[in-house]
Each structure stands twice: as C-alpha cells, then as structure tokens.
C-alpha cells in the first residue's frame, strides 16, 4: 500500500473558491483504479492534512497524471496554498484492532 500525506495551508479569502475544487478532487480520486481511501483533517492552527491510500505506486501514478488533478494542482500553487508539503510512503507493516464493544459483539 502507498500512503500520501498532503499538508497545506490555505491563503486567506480563497476558501469559497477552494471548497468546490477540493470536493471535485475527492470525487475524482475515488474513480482511480487502485484507490483505497482518503480523509482530511484541519488542525487548530489551520494546517490541513489529507491522507490518501492507494493499492500500488501505479495507482498513485495514475492519480498524479490525471489531467483534471494536474490542473487543480497548478491552481493550488498559483492561488490556494500559502504552503504545502507532501510525503509518499510505502507501508511496511499495518496493524489494526477493534474492541469487542465497537464490533457490537
């Protein structure tokens, strides 16, 4: 599995324009074969973090080269983001646990 961690800060005054594009990218990502999931979070200091999971590097590559996504990335740099950082990580190990109560058992 490949995990991308995308951290951004949004320029003041662009949220209304950014929101619909972010929503569209969320919809578009789901159409990429090999896409697993993504979630976004906003920290108290305004930093945004989006975590995206893909099955393979090829799936991530297809997302990276998607023309609509490429256009949105350009807009991000030109208009929306005051800063960004992304990290592409290969999952070495994964472990998960769910309590019996949470499972409804």
Protein backbone atom coordinates (compact mmCIF):
# COMPACT_ATOMS: atom_id res chain seq x y z
CA UNK A 1 0.00 0.00 0.00
CA UNK A 2 1.11 3.55 -0.77
CA UNK A 3 0.10 6.38 1.57
CA UNK A 4 0.32 10.02 0.59
CA UNK A 5 0.29 12.64 3.32
CA UNK A 6 -0.60 16.05 1.89
CA UNK A 7 -0.22 19.05 4.22
CA UNK A 8 -1.36 22.53 3.22
CA UNK A 9 -2.17 25.99 4.45
CA UNK A 10 -4.83 27.93 2.57
CA UNK A 11 -4.42 31.58 1.63
CA UNK A 12 -6.92 33.93 3.30
CA UNK A 13 -10.06 34.63 1.30
CA UNK A 14 -9.95 31.66 -1.09
CA UNK A 15 -11.97 29.08 0.87
CA UNK A 16 -15.18 29.64 -1.12
CA UNK A 17 -13.34 29.01 -4.38
CA UNK A 18 -11.19 26.17 -2.99
CA UNK A 19 -14.04 24.15 -1.45
CA UNK A 20 -15.74 23.00 -4.67
CA UNK A 21 -12.41 22.08 -6.27
CA UNK A 22 -11.40 20.05 -3.22
CA UNK A 23 -14.78 18.30 -3.33
CA UNK A 24 -14.33 17.50 -7.02
CA UNK A 25 -10.83 16.10 -6.40
CA UNK A 26 -12.29 13.89 -3.68
CA UNK A 27 -14.85 12.53 -6.15
CA UNK A 28 -12.26 12.11 -8.89
CA UNK A 29 -9.76 10.27 -6.68
CA UNK A 30 -12.40 7.61 -5.98
CA UNK A 31 -12.53 6.77 -9.71
CA UNK A 32 -8.84 5.86 -9.95
CA UNK A 33 -8.35 2.06 -10.11
CA UNK A 34 -6.36 1.11 -7.01
CA UNK A 35 -7.65 3.99 -4.89
CA UNK A 36 -8.43 2.79 -1.35
CA UNK A 37 -9.47 5.78 0.74
CA UNK A 38 -8.75 9.31 1.85
CA UNK A 39 -9.55 11.52 4.83
CA UNK A 40 -8.89 15.15 5.55
CA UNK A 41 -8.33 16.94 8.82
CA UNK A 42 -7.87 20.57 9.84
CA UNK A 43 -5.64 21.35 12.83
CA UNK A 44 -6.35 24.11 15.34
CA UNK A 45 -3.61 26.21 13.74
CA UNK A 46 -5.27 25.98 10.31
CA UNK A 47 -2.99 23.39 8.75
CA UNK A 48 -4.88 20.89 6.61
CA UNK A 49 -3.78 17.28 6.31
CA UNK A 50 -5.15 14.82 3.77
CA UNK A 51 -4.17 11.16 3.92
CA UNK A 52 -4.71 9.17 0.72
CA UNK A 53 -4.23 5.41 0.34
CA UNK A 54 -3.58 3.62 -2.94
CA UNK A 55 -3.01 -0.09 -3.53
CA UNK A 56 0.11 0.44 -5.67
CA UNK A 57 2.57 3.03 -6.92
CA UNK A 58 0.97 2.67 -10.35
CA UNK A 59 -2.41 3.70 -8.93
CA UNK A 60 -0.77 6.74 -7.34
CA UNK A 61 0.93 7.49 -10.66
CA UNK A 62 -2.43 7.43 -12.46
CA UNK A 63 -3.79 9.90 -9.92
CA UNK A 64 -0.74 12.11 -10.27
CA UNK A 65 -1.03 12.33 -14.08
CA UNK A 66 -4.81 12.71 -14.26
CA UNK A 67 -5.36 15.90 -16.33
CA UNK A 68 -8.06 17.33 -14.08
CA UNK A 69 -5.96 16.66 -10.98
CA UNK A 70 -2.92 18.24 -12.65
CA UNK A 71 -4.95 21.39 -13.37
CA UNK A 72 -6.13 21.52 -9.74
CA UNK A 73 -2.54 21.15 -8.51
CA UNK A 74 -1.49 24.13 -10.62
CA UNK A 75 -4.37 26.19 -9.22
CA UNK A 76 -3.32 25.18 -5.72
CA UNK A 77 0.18 26.54 -6.20
CA UNK A 78 -0.94 29.65 -8.08
CA UNK A 79 -3.96 30.59 -5.96
CA UNK A 80 -4.94 28.50 -2.96
CA UNK A 81 -1.92 27.42 -0.95
CA UNK A 82 0.42 29.58 1.07
CA UNK A 83 2.45 26.41 1.58
CA UNK A 84 2.25 22.69 1.01
CA UNK A 85 4.21 19.54 1.66
CA UNK A 86 3.55 16.01 0.57
CA UNK A 87 5.11 12.73 1.56
CA UNK A 88 4.72 9.48 -0.32
CA UNK A 89 5.15 6.47 1.93
CA UNK A 90 5.25 2.73 1.36
CA UNK A 91 3.51 0.83 4.16
CA UNK A 92 5.93 -1.62 5.72
CA UNK A 93 3.56 -3.04 8.29
CA UNK A 94 -0.07 -2.49 9.18
CA UNK A 95 -1.88 -3.49 12.33
CA UNK A 96 -5.47 -2.87 13.33
CA UNK A 97 -7.57 -3.66 16.37
CA UNK A 98 -11.24 -3.06 17.13
CA UNK A 99 -12.71 -3.58 20.58
CA UNK A 100 -15.43 -6.13 21.06
CA UNK A 101 -17.83 -3.35 22.09
CA UNK A 102 -17.12 -1.40 18.91
CA UNK A 103 -17.74 -4.54 16.84
CA UNK A 104 -21.13 -4.95 18.53
CA UNK A 105 -20.22 -8.40 19.85
